[in-house]
Full PDB file with SEQRES, HELIX, SHEET, SSBOND, CRYST1, ORIGX, SCALE, CONECT and MASTER records, all heavy atoms in Angstrom:
SEQRES   1 A   37  ALA LYS GLY PHE GLU THR ARG MET GLU GLY VAL ALA LEU          
SEQRES   2 A   37  LEU LEU ASP LEU CYS LYS LYS SER PRO LYS LEU VAL ALA          
SEQRES   3 A   37  THR ASN ILE VAL GLN ILE PHE ASP TYR PHE VAL                  
HELIX    1 AA1 PHE A    4  LYS A   20  1                                  17    
HELIX    2 AA2 PRO A   22  THR A   27  1                                   6    
HELIX    3 AA3 ILE A   29  PHE A   36  1                                   8    
CRYST1    1.000    1.000    1.000  90.00  90.00  90.00 P 1           1          
ORIGX1      1.000000  0.000000  0.000000        0.00000                         
ORIGX2      0.000000  1.000000  0.000000        0.00000                         
ORIGX3      0.000000  0.000000  1.000000        0.00000                         
SCALE1      1.000000  0.000000  0.000000        0.00000                         
SCALE2      0.000000  1.000000  0.000000        0.00000                         
SCALE3      0.000000  0.000000  1.000000        0.00000                         
ATOM      1  N   ALA A   1       0.826  -1.208   0.022  1.00  0.00           N  
ATOM      2  CA  ALA A   1       0.005  -0.007  -0.005  1.00  0.00           C  
ATOM      3  C   ALA A   1       0.848   1.278   0.014  1.00  0.00           C  
ATOM      4  O   ALA A   1       1.980   1.287   0.454  1.00  0.00           O  
ATOM      5  CB  ALA A   1      -0.916  -0.003   1.201  1.00  0.00           C  
ATOM      6  N   LYS A   2       0.285   2.349  -0.522  1.00  0.00           N  
ATOM      7  CA  LYS A   2       0.970   3.628  -0.562  1.00  0.00           C  
ATOM      8  C   LYS A   2       1.090   4.259   0.799  1.00  0.00           C  
ATOM      9  O   LYS A   2       2.113   4.852   1.161  1.00  0.00           O  
ATOM     10  CB  LYS A   2       0.272   4.568  -1.528  1.00  0.00           C  
ATOM     11  CG  LYS A   2       0.506   4.199  -3.007  1.00  0.00           C  
ATOM     12  CD  LYS A   2      -0.086   5.252  -3.920  1.00  0.00           C  
ATOM     13  CE  LYS A   2       0.191   4.896  -5.396  1.00  0.00           C  
ATOM     14  NZ  LYS A   2      -0.400   5.914  -6.313  1.00  0.00           N  
ATOM     15  N   GLY A   3       0.016   4.185   1.579  1.00  0.00           N  
ATOM     16  CA  GLY A   3       0.012   4.817   2.920  1.00  0.00           C  
ATOM     17  C   GLY A   3       0.832   4.018   3.931  1.00  0.00           C  
ATOM     18  O   GLY A   3       0.685   2.792   3.999  1.00  0.00           O  
ATOM     19  N   PHE A   4       1.701   4.712   4.684  1.00  0.00           N  
ATOM     20  CA  PHE A   4       2.571   3.984   5.619  1.00  0.00           C  
ATOM     21  C   PHE A   4       1.769   3.278   6.725  1.00  0.00           C  
ATOM     22  O   PHE A   4       2.134   2.189   7.178  1.00  0.00           O  
ATOM     23  CB  PHE A   4       3.629   4.909   6.207  1.00  0.00           C  
ATOM     24  CG  PHE A   4       3.167   5.769   7.363  1.00  0.00           C  
ATOM     25  CD1 PHE A   4       3.313   5.327   8.660  1.00  0.00           C  
ATOM     26  CD2 PHE A   4       2.618   7.019   7.127  1.00  0.00           C  
ATOM     27  CE1 PHE A   4       2.885   6.120   9.723  1.00  0.00           C  
ATOM     28  CE2 PHE A   4       2.195   7.813   8.196  1.00  0.00           C  
ATOM     29  CZ  PHE A   4       2.340   7.365   9.503  1.00  0.00           C  
ATOM     30  N   GLU A   5       0.651   3.876   7.122  1.00  0.00           N  
ATOM     31  CA  GLU A   5      -0.157   3.221   8.173  1.00  0.00           C  
ATOM     32  C   GLU A   5      -0.783   1.941   7.669  1.00  0.00           C  
ATOM     33  O   GLU A   5      -0.916   0.957   8.417  1.00  0.00           O  
ATOM     34  CB  GLU A   5      -1.261   4.198   8.670  1.00  0.00           C  
ATOM     35  CG  GLU A   5      -0.660   5.335   9.499  1.00  0.00           C  
ATOM     36  CD  GLU A   5      -1.719   6.379   9.882  1.00  0.00           C  
ATOM     37  OE1 GLU A   5      -2.734   6.470   9.149  1.00  0.00           O  
ATOM     38  OE2 GLU A   5      -1.503   7.057  10.887  1.00  0.00           O  
ATOM     39  N   THR A   6      -1.150   1.897   6.405  1.00  0.00           N  
ATOM     40  CA  THR A   6      -1.700   0.693   5.806  1.00  0.00           C  
ATOM     41  C   THR A   6      -0.617  -0.378   5.687  1.00  0.00           C  
ATOM     42  O   THR A   6      -0.868  -1.549   5.909  1.00  0.00           O  
ATOM     43  CB  THR A   6      -2.297   1.017   4.415  1.00  0.00           C  
ATOM     44  OG1 THR A   6      -3.165   2.144   4.496  1.00  0.00           O  
ATOM     45  CG2 THR A   6      -3.127  -0.207   3.908  1.00  0.00           C  
ATOM     46  N   ARG A   7       0.593   0.045   5.369  1.00  0.00           N  
ATOM     47  CA  ARG A   7       1.710  -0.914   5.300  1.00  0.00           C  
ATOM     48  C   ARG A   7       1.973  -1.520   6.675  1.00  0.00           C  
ATOM     49  O   ARG A   7       2.276  -2.703   6.813  1.00  0.00           O  
ATOM     50  CB  ARG A   7       2.972  -0.265   4.738  1.00  0.00           C  
ATOM     51  CG  ARG A   7       2.840   0.215   3.308  1.00  0.00           C  
ATOM     52  CD  ARG A   7       4.164   0.425   2.638  1.00  0.00           C  
ATOM     53  NE  ARG A   7       4.992   1.431   3.249  1.00  0.00           N  
ATOM     54  CZ  ARG A   7       4.941   2.748   3.011  1.00  0.00           C  
ATOM     55  NH1 ARG A   7       4.020   3.220   2.204  1.00  0.00           N  
ATOM     56  NH2 ARG A   7       5.763   3.587   3.638  1.00  0.00           N  
ATOM     57  N   MET A   8       1.804  -0.683   7.714  1.00  0.00           N  
ATOM     58  CA  MET A   8       1.982  -1.170   9.104  1.00  0.00           C  
ATOM     59  C   MET A   8       0.893  -2.198   9.443  1.00  0.00           C  
ATOM     60  O   MET A   8       1.140  -3.188  10.148  1.00  0.00           O  
ATOM     61  CB  MET A   8       1.952  -0.008  10.078  1.00  0.00           C  
ATOM     62  CG  MET A   8       3.230   0.841  10.006  1.00  0.00           C  
ATOM     63  SD  MET A   8       3.196   2.304  11.044  1.00  0.00           S  
ATOM     64  CE  MET A   8       3.497   1.625  12.663  1.00  0.00           C  
ATOM     65  N   GLU A   9      -0.318  -1.986   8.893  1.00  0.00           N  
ATOM     66  CA  GLU A   9      -1.382  -2.978   9.090  1.00  0.00           C  
ATOM     67  C   GLU A   9      -0.979  -4.317   8.464  1.00  0.00           C  
ATOM     68  O   GLU A   9      -1.249  -5.390   9.017  1.00  0.00           O  
ATOM     69  CB  GLU A   9      -2.679  -2.508   8.396  1.00  0.00           C  
ATOM     70  CG  GLU A   9      -3.446  -1.447   9.169  1.00  0.00           C  
ATOM     71  CD  GLU A   9      -4.727  -1.053   8.395  1.00  0.00           C  
ATOM     72  OE1 GLU A   9      -5.360  -1.908   7.809  1.00  0.00           O  
ATOM     73  OE2 GLU A   9      -5.003   0.177   8.370  1.00  0.00           O  
ATOM     74  N   GLY A  10      -0.306  -4.248   7.314  1.00  0.00           N  
ATOM     75  CA  GLY A  10       0.173  -5.467   6.647  1.00  0.00           C  
ATOM     76  C   GLY A  10       1.192  -6.208   7.493  1.00  0.00           C  
ATOM     77  O   GLY A  10       1.147  -7.436   7.611  1.00  0.00           O  
ATOM     78  N   VAL A  11       2.096  -5.433   8.115  1.00  0.00           N  
ATOM     79  CA  VAL A  11       3.128  -6.038   8.968  1.00  0.00           C  
ATOM     80  C   VAL A  11       2.434  -6.712  10.155  1.00  0.00           C  
ATOM     81  O   VAL A  11       2.790  -7.846  10.537  1.00  0.00           O  
ATOM     82  CB  VAL A  11       4.146  -4.971   9.449  1.00  0.00           C  
ATOM     83  CG1 VAL A  11       5.109  -5.576  10.461  1.00  0.00           C  
ATOM     84  CG2 VAL A  11       4.905  -4.415   8.248  1.00  0.00           C  
ATOM     85  N   ALA A  12       1.441  -6.037  10.728  1.00  0.00           N  
ATOM     86  CA  ALA A  12       0.693  -6.599  11.869  1.00  0.00           C  
ATOM     87  C   ALA A  12      -0.055  -7.866  11.472  1.00  0.00           C  
ATOM     88  O   ALA A  12      -0.118  -8.833  12.225  1.00  0.00           O  
ATOM     89  CB  ALA A  12      -0.255  -5.563  12.437  1.00  0.00           C  
ATOM     90  N   LEU A  13      -0.606  -7.840  10.247  1.00  0.00           N  
ATOM     91  CA  LEU A  13      -1.373  -9.007   9.749  1.00  0.00           C  
ATOM     92  C   LEU A  13      -0.419 -10.205   9.595  1.00  0.00           C  
ATOM     93  O   LEU A  13      -0.822 -11.337   9.881  1.00  0.00           O  
ATOM     94  CB  LEU A  13      -2.050  -8.668   8.434  1.00  0.00           C  
ATOM     95  CG  LEU A  13      -2.781  -9.844   7.740  1.00  0.00           C  
ATOM     96  CD1 LEU A  13      -3.895 -10.403   8.629  1.00  0.00           C  
ATOM     97  CD2 LEU A  13      -3.375  -9.380   6.393  1.00  0.00           C  
ATOM     98  N   LEU A  14       0.778  -9.953   9.134  1.00  0.00           N  
ATOM     99  CA  LEU A  14       1.748 -11.062   8.947  1.00  0.00           C  
ATOM    100  C   LEU A  14       2.025 -11.743  10.283  1.00  0.00           C  
ATOM    101  O   LEU A  14       2.061 -12.987  10.391  1.00  0.00           O  
ATOM    102  CB  LEU A  14       3.029 -10.558   8.319  1.00  0.00           C  
ATOM    103  CG  LEU A  14       4.146 -11.598   8.194  1.00  0.00           C  
ATOM    104  CD1 LEU A  14       3.679 -12.815   7.400  1.00  0.00           C  
ATOM    105  CD2 LEU A  14       5.406 -10.997   7.564  1.00  0.00           C  
ATOM    106  N   LEU A  15       2.235 -10.943  11.320  1.00  0.00           N  
ATOM    107  CA  LEU A  15       2.464 -11.509  12.654  1.00  0.00           C  
ATOM    108  C   LEU A  15       1.257 -12.308  13.130  1.00  0.00           C  
ATOM    109  O   LEU A  15       1.411 -13.405  13.664  1.00  0.00           O  
ATOM    110  CB  LEU A  15       2.802 -10.399  13.664  1.00  0.00           C  
ATOM    111  CG  LEU A  15       3.095 -10.853  15.080  1.00  0.00           C  
ATOM    112  CD1 LEU A  15       4.250 -11.846  15.118  1.00  0.00           C  
ATOM    113  CD2 LEU A  15       3.368  -9.670  16.000  1.00  0.00           C  
ATOM    114  N   ASP A  16       0.069 -11.771  12.881  1.00  0.00           N  
ATOM    115  CA  ASP A  16      -1.166 -12.448  13.267  1.00  0.00           C  
ATOM    116  C   ASP A  16      -1.288 -13.784  12.542  1.00  0.00           C  
ATOM    117  O   ASP A  16      -1.634 -14.788  13.156  1.00  0.00           O  
ATOM    118  CB  ASP A  16      -2.358 -11.553  12.913  1.00  0.00           C  
ATOM    119  CG  ASP A  16      -3.659 -12.058  13.530  1.00  0.00           C  
ATOM    120  OD1 ASP A  16      -3.663 -12.348  14.738  1.00  0.00           O  
ATOM    121  OD2 ASP A  16      -4.636 -12.210  12.795  1.00  0.00           O  
ATOM    122  N   LEU A  17      -0.960 -13.829  11.257  1.00  0.00           N  
ATOM    123  CA  LEU A  17      -1.022 -15.066  10.476  1.00  0.00           C  
ATOM    124  C   LEU A  17      -0.009 -16.084  11.004  1.00  0.00           C  
ATOM    125  O   LEU A  17      -0.261 -17.281  11.037  1.00  0.00           O  
ATOM    126  CB  LEU A  17      -0.787 -14.780   8.988  1.00  0.00           C  
ATOM    127  CG  LEU A  17      -1.900 -14.142   8.194  1.00  0.00           C  
ATOM    128  CD1 LEU A  17      -1.429 -13.775   6.783  1.00  0.00           C  
ATOM    129  CD2 LEU A  17      -3.113 -15.056   8.115  1.00  0.00           C  
ATOM    130  N   CYS A  18       1.168 -15.589  11.394  1.00  0.00           N  
ATOM    131  CA  CYS A  18       2.189 -16.475  11.920  1.00  0.00           C  
ATOM    132  C   CYS A  18       1.722 -17.166  13.209  1.00  0.00           C  
ATOM    133  O   CYS A  18       2.033 -18.326  13.437  1.00  0.00           O  
ATOM    134  CB  CYS A  18       3.484 -15.682  12.213  1.00  0.00           C  
ATOM    135  SG  CYS A  18       4.502 -15.460  10.773  1.00  0.00           S  
ATOM    136  N   LYS A  19       1.027 -16.384  13.990  1.00  0.00           N  
ATOM    137  CA  LYS A  19       0.556 -16.936  15.292  1.00  0.00           C  
ATOM    138  C   LYS A  19      -0.605 -17.932  15.066  1.00  0.00           C  
ATOM    139  O   LYS A  19      -0.691 -18.950  15.750  1.00  0.00           O  
ATOM    140  CB  LYS A  19       0.118 -15.791  16.224  1.00  0.00           C  
ATOM    141  CG  LYS A  19       1.302 -14.984  16.746  1.00  0.00           C  
ATOM    142  CD  LYS A  19       0.813 -13.829  17.604  1.00  0.00           C  
ATOM    143  CE  LYS A  19       1.991 -13.023  18.177  1.00  0.00           C  
ATOM    144  NZ  LYS A  19       1.535 -11.865  18.943  1.00  0.00           N  
ATOM    145  N   LYS A  20      -1.518 -17.560  14.145  1.00  0.00           N  
ATOM    146  CA  LYS A  20      -2.743 -18.378  13.965  1.00  0.00           C  
ATOM    147  C   LYS A  20      -2.556 -19.483  12.942  1.00  0.00           C  
ATOM    148  O   LYS A  20      -3.161 -20.563  13.056  1.00  0.00           O  
ATOM    149  CB  LYS A  20      -3.904 -17.466  13.547  1.00  0.00           C  
ATOM    150  CG  LYS A  20      -4.333 -16.511  14.647  1.00  0.00           C  
ATOM    151  CD  LYS A  20      -5.460 -15.593  14.145  1.00  0.00           C  
ATOM    152  CE  LYS A  20      -5.919 -14.636  15.266  1.00  0.00           C  
ATOM    153  NZ  LYS A  20      -6.902 -13.656  14.770  1.00  0.00           N  
ATOM    154  N   SER A  21      -1.751 -19.229  11.872  1.00  0.00           N  
ATOM    155  CA  SER A  21      -1.583 -20.213  10.794  1.00  0.00           C  
ATOM    156  C   SER A  21      -0.097 -20.329  10.425  1.00  0.00           C  
ATOM    157  O   SER A  21       0.271 -20.007   9.282  1.00  0.00           O  
ATOM    158  CB  SER A  21      -2.418 -19.794   9.593  1.00  0.00           C  
ATOM    159  OG  SER A  21      -3.729 -19.515   9.934  1.00  0.00           O  
ATOM    160  N   PRO A  22       0.736 -20.747  11.344  1.00  0.00           N  
ATOM    161  CA  PRO A  22       2.175 -20.828  11.030  1.00  0.00           C  
ATOM    162  C   PRO A  22       2.490 -21.697   9.832  1.00  0.00           C  
ATOM    163  O   PRO A  22       3.430 -21.404   9.065  1.00  0.00           O  
ATOM    164  CB  PRO A  22       2.810 -21.400  12.329  1.00  0.00           C  
ATOM    165  CG  PRO A  22       1.674 -22.007  13.079  1.00  0.00           C  
ATOM    166  CD  PRO A  22       0.444 -21.232  12.720  1.00  0.00           C  
ATOM    167  N   LYS A  23       1.705 -22.767   9.643  1.00  0.00           N  
ATOM    168  CA  LYS A  23       1.950 -23.675   8.519  1.00  0.00           C  
ATOM    169  C   LYS A  23       1.689 -22.921   7.166  1.00  0.00           C  
ATOM    170  O   LYS A  23       2.437 -23.142   6.208  1.00  0.00           O  
ATOM    171  CB  LYS A  23       1.081 -24.914   8.613  1.00  0.00           C  
ATOM    172  CG  LYS A  23       1.486 -26.024   7.669  1.00  0.00           C  
ATOM    173  CD  LYS A  23       0.714 -27.316   7.936  1.00  0.00           C  
ATOM    174  CE  LYS A  23       1.243 -28.050   9.152  1.00  0.00           C  
ATOM    175  NZ  LYS A  23       0.598 -29.395   9.302  1.00  0.00           N  
ATOM    176  N   LEU A  24       0.675 -22.113   7.144  1.00  0.00           N  
ATOM    177  CA  LEU A  24       0.369 -21.338   5.931  1.00  0.00           C  
ATOM    178  C   LEU A  24       1.509 -20.410   5.584  1.00  0.00           C  
ATOM    179  O   LEU A  24       1.931 -20.328   4.417  1.00  0.00           O  
ATOM    180  CB  LEU A  24      -0.922 -20.543   6.127  1.00  0.00           C  
ATOM    181  CG  LEU A  24      -1.278 -19.522   5.039  1.00  0.00           C  
ATOM    182  CD1 LEU A  24      -1.613 -20.245   3.729  1.00  0.00           C  
ATOM    183  CD2 LEU A  24      -2.453 -18.613   5.467  1.00  0.00           C  
ATOM    184  N   VAL A  25       2.021 -19.711   6.590  1.00  0.00           N  
ATOM    185  CA  VAL A  25       3.128 -18.774   6.345  1.00  0.00           C  
ATOM    186  C   VAL A  25       4.381 -19.538   5.937  1.00  0.00           C  
ATOM    187  O   VAL A  25       5.100 -19.153   5.008  1.00  0.00           O  
ATOM    188  CB  VAL A  25       3.405 -17.909   7.608  1.00  0.00           C  
ATOM    189  CG1 VAL A  25       4.596 -17.001   7.381  1.00  0.00           C  
ATOM    190  CG2 VAL A  25       2.155 -17.093   7.952  1.00  0.00           C  
ATOM    191  N   ALA A  26       4.663 -20.637   6.640  1.00  0.00           N  
ATOM    192  CA  ALA A  26       5.863 -21.426   6.339  1.00  0.00           C  
ATOM    193  C   ALA A  26       5.854 -21.955   4.897  1.00  0.00           C  
ATOM    194  O   ALA A  26       6.859 -21.917   4.192  1.00  0.00           O  
ATOM    195  CB  ALA A  26       5.978 -22.591   7.317  1.00  0.00           C  
ATOM    196  N   THR A  27       4.673 -22.414   4.462  1.00  0.00           N  
ATOM    197  CA  THR A  27       4.538 -22.972   3.112  1.00  0.00           C  
ATOM    198  C   THR A  27       4.755 -21.904   2.043  1.00  0.00           C  
ATOM    199  O   THR A  27       5.239 -22.177   0.943  1.00  0.00           O  
ATOM    200  CB  THR A  27       3.133 -23.597   2.934  1.00  0.00           C  
ATOM    201  OG1 THR A  27       2.928 -24.544   3.954  1.00  0.00           O  
ATOM    202  CG2 THR A  27       2.984 -24.259   1.587  1.00  0.00           C  
ATOM    203  N   ASN A  28       4.385 -20.640   2.368  1.00  0.00           N  
ATOM    204  CA  ASN A  28       4.447 -19.560   1.383  1.00  0.00           C  
ATOM    205  C   ASN A  28       5.513 -18.507   1.737  1.00  0.00           C  
ATOM    206  O   ASN A  28       5.484 -17.386   1.258  1.00  0.00           O  
ATOM    207  CB  ASN A  28       3.097 -18.865   1.281  1.00  0.00           C  
ATOM    208  CG  ASN A  28       2.017 -19.792   0.779  1.00  0.00           C  
ATOM    209  OD1 ASN A  28       1.844 -19.993  -0.429  1.00  0.00           O  
ATOM    210  ND2 ASN A  28       1.230 -20.362   1.688  1.00  0.00           N  
ATOM    211  N   ILE A  29       6.506 -18.923   2.553  1.00  0.00           N  
ATOM    212  CA  ILE A  29       7.457 -17.956   3.079  1.00  0.00           C  
ATOM    213  C   ILE A  29       8.256 -17.213   2.026  1.00  0.00           C  
ATOM    214  O   ILE A  29       8.532 -16.018   2.149  1.00  0.00           O  
ATOM    215  CB  ILE A  29       8.421 -18.643   4.097  1.00  0.00           C  
ATOM    216  CG1 ILE A  29       9.252 -17.596   4.867  1.00  0.00           C  
ATOM    217  CG2 ILE A  29       9.366 -19.660   3.388  1.00  0.00           C  
ATOM    218  CD1 ILE A  29       8.427 -16.721   5.771  1.00  0.00           C  
ATOM    219  N   VAL A  30       8.631 -17.875   0.934  1.00  0.00           N  
ATOM    220  CA  VAL A  30       9.424 -17.192  -0.110  1.00  0.00           C  
ATOM    221  C   VAL A  30       8.627 -16.068  -0.760  1.00  0.00           C  
ATOM    222  O   VAL A  30       9.112 -14.942  -0.921  1.00  0.00           O  
ATOM    223  CB  VAL A  30       9.908 -18.228  -1.184  1.00  0.00           C  
ATOM    224  CG1 VAL A  30      10.612 -17.499  -2.325  1.00  0.00           C  
ATOM    225  CG2 VAL A  30      10.852 -19.229  -0.568  1.00  0.00           C  
ATOM    226  N   GLN A  31       7.374 -16.346  -1.144  1.00  0.00           N  
ATOM    227  CA  GLN A  31       6.542 -15.344  -1.764  1.00  0.00           C  
ATOM    228  C   GLN A  31       6.214 -14.246  -0.789  1.00  0.00           C  
ATOM    229  O   GLN A  31       6.237 -13.026  -1.148  1.00  0.00           O  
ATOM    230  CB  GLN A  31       5.259 -15.954  -2.331  1.00  0.00           C  
ATOM    231  CG  GLN A  31       4.468 -14.977  -3.169  1.00  0.00           C  
ATOM    232  CD  GLN A  31       3.280 -15.638  -3.852  1.00  0.00           C  
ATOM    233  OE1 GLN A  31       3.082 -16.833  -3.775  1.00  0.00           O  
ATOM    234  NE2 GLN A  31       2.512 -14.853  -4.590  1.00  0.00           N  
ATOM    235  N   ILE A  32       5.918 -14.604   0.457  1.00  0.00           N  
ATOM    236  CA  ILE A  32       5.589 -13.595   1.476  1.00  0.00           C  
ATOM    237  C   ILE A  32       6.782 -12.644   1.678  1.00  0.00           C  
ATOM    238  O   ILE A  32       6.624 -11.445   1.785  1.00  0.00           O  
ATOM    239  CB  ILE A  32       5.214 -14.271   2.817  1.00  0.00           C  
ATOM    240  CG1 ILE A  32       3.828 -14.932   2.706  1.00  0.00           C  
ATOM    241  CG2 ILE A  32       5.244 -13.288   3.967  1.00  0.00           C  
ATOM    242  CD1 ILE A  32       3.467 -15.829   3.870  1.00  0.00           C  
ATOM    243  N   PHE A  33       7.986 -13.229   1.689  1.00  0.00           N  
ATOM    244  CA  PHE A  33       9.179 -12.394   1.932  1.00  0.00           C  
ATOM    245  C   PHE A  33       9.440 -11.450   0.766  1.00  0.00           C  
ATOM    246  O   PHE A  33      10.050 -10.408   0.961  1.00  0.00           O  
ATOM    247  CB  PHE A  33      10.388 -13.294   2.183  1.00  0.00           C  
ATOM    248  CG  PHE A  33      11.122 -12.918   3.460  1.00  0.00           C  
ATOM    249  CD1 PHE A  33      10.604 -13.235   4.682  1.00  0.00           C  
ATOM    250  CD2 PHE A  33      12.313 -12.201   3.387  1.00  0.00           C  
ATOM    251  CE1 PHE A  33      11.259 -12.868   5.858  1.00  0.00           C  
ATOM    252  CE2 PHE A  33      12.997 -11.833   4.527  1.00  0.00           C  
ATOM    253  CZ  PHE A  33      12.462 -12.166   5.784  1.00  0.00           C  
ATOM    254  N   ASP A  34       8.998 -11.802  -0.430  1.00  0.00           N  
ATOM    255  CA  ASP A  34       9.123 -10.883  -1.581  1.00  0.00           C  
ATOM    256  C   ASP A  34       8.510  -9.535  -1.265  1.00  0.00           C  
ATOM    257  O   ASP A  34       8.997  -8.476  -1.676  1.00  0.00           O  
ATOM    258  CB  ASP A  34       8.475 -11.459  -2.842  1.00  0.00           C  
ATOM    259  CG  ASP A  34       9.301 -12.602  -3.437  1.00  0.00           C  
ATOM    260  OD1 ASP A  34      10.521 -12.686  -3.133  1.00  0.00           O  
ATOM    261  OD2 ASP A  34       8.738 -13.392  -4.238  1.00  0.00           O  
ATOM    262  N   TYR A  35       7.394  -9.573  -0.511  1.00  0.00           N  
ATOM    263  CA  TYR A  35       6.702  -8.353  -0.168  1.00  0.00           C  
ATOM    264  C   TYR A  35       7.212  -7.777   1.173  1.00  0.00           C  
ATOM    265  O   TYR A  35       7.418  -6.599   1.305  1.00  0.00           O  
ATOM    266  CB  TYR A  35       5.200  -8.608  -0.007  1.00  0.00           C  
ATOM    267  CG  TYR A  35       4.510  -9.011  -1.283  1.00  0.00           C  
ATOM    268  CD1 TYR A  35       4.474 -10.343  -1.733  1.00  0.00           C  
ATOM    269  CD2 TYR A  35       3.903  -8.059  -2.088  1.00  0.00           C  
ATOM    270  CE1 TYR A  35       3.867 -10.690  -2.924  1.00  0.00           C  
ATOM    271  CE2 TYR A  35       3.272  -8.390  -3.291  1.00  0.00           C  
ATOM    272  CZ  TYR A  35       3.243  -9.708  -3.703  1.00  0.00           C  
ATOM    273  OH  TYR A  35       2.639 -10.051  -4.889  1.00  0.00           O  
ATOM    274  N   PHE A  36       7.446  -8.681   2.133  1.00  0.00           N  
ATOM    275  CA  PHE A  36       7.804  -8.243   3.492  1.00  0.00           C  
ATOM    276  C   PHE A  36       9.190  -7.577   3.535  1.00  0.00           C  
ATOM    277  O   PHE A  36       9.392  -6.624   4.279  1.00  0.00           O  
ATOM    278  CB  PHE A  36       7.721  -9.438   4.463  1.00  0.00           C  
ATOM    279  CG  PHE A  36       8.083  -9.060   5.864  1.00  0.00           C  
ATOM    280  CD1 PHE A  36       7.307  -8.168   6.594  1.00  0.00           C  
ATOM    281  CD2 PHE A  36       9.171  -9.650   6.501  1.00  0.00           C  
ATOM    282  CE1 PHE A  36       7.640  -7.831   7.900  1.00  0.00           C  
ATOM    283  CE2 PHE A  36       9.506  -9.338   7.795  1.00  0.00           C  
ATOM    284  CZ  PHE A  36       8.726  -8.420   8.498  1.00  0.00           C  
ATOM    285  N   VAL A  37      10.129  -8.104   2.750  1.00  0.00           N  
ATOM    286  CA  VAL A  37      11.501  -7.570   2.820  1.00  0.00           C  
ATOM    287  C   VAL A  37      11.531  -6.098   2.432  1.00  0.00           C  
ATOM    288  O   VAL A  37      12.383  -5.336   2.890  1.00  0.00           O  
ATOM    289  CB  VAL A  37      12.459  -8.420   1.941  1.00  0.00           C  
ATOM    290  CG1 VAL A  37      12.296  -8.096   0.453  1.00  0.00           C  
ATOM    291  CG2 VAL A  37      13.915  -8.198   2.365  1.00  0.00           C  
TER     292      VAL A  37                                                      
MASTER        0    0    0    3    0    0    0    6  291    1    0    3          
END                                                                             
């Protein structure tokens, strides 16, 4: 997202997904990191 606050929401969502669905994040870690890095 263009807005920095929205990007922060994305960072928070990633942590939430890690806690609730670690297997989902682990399976897609390479693609997720393309955005997160």
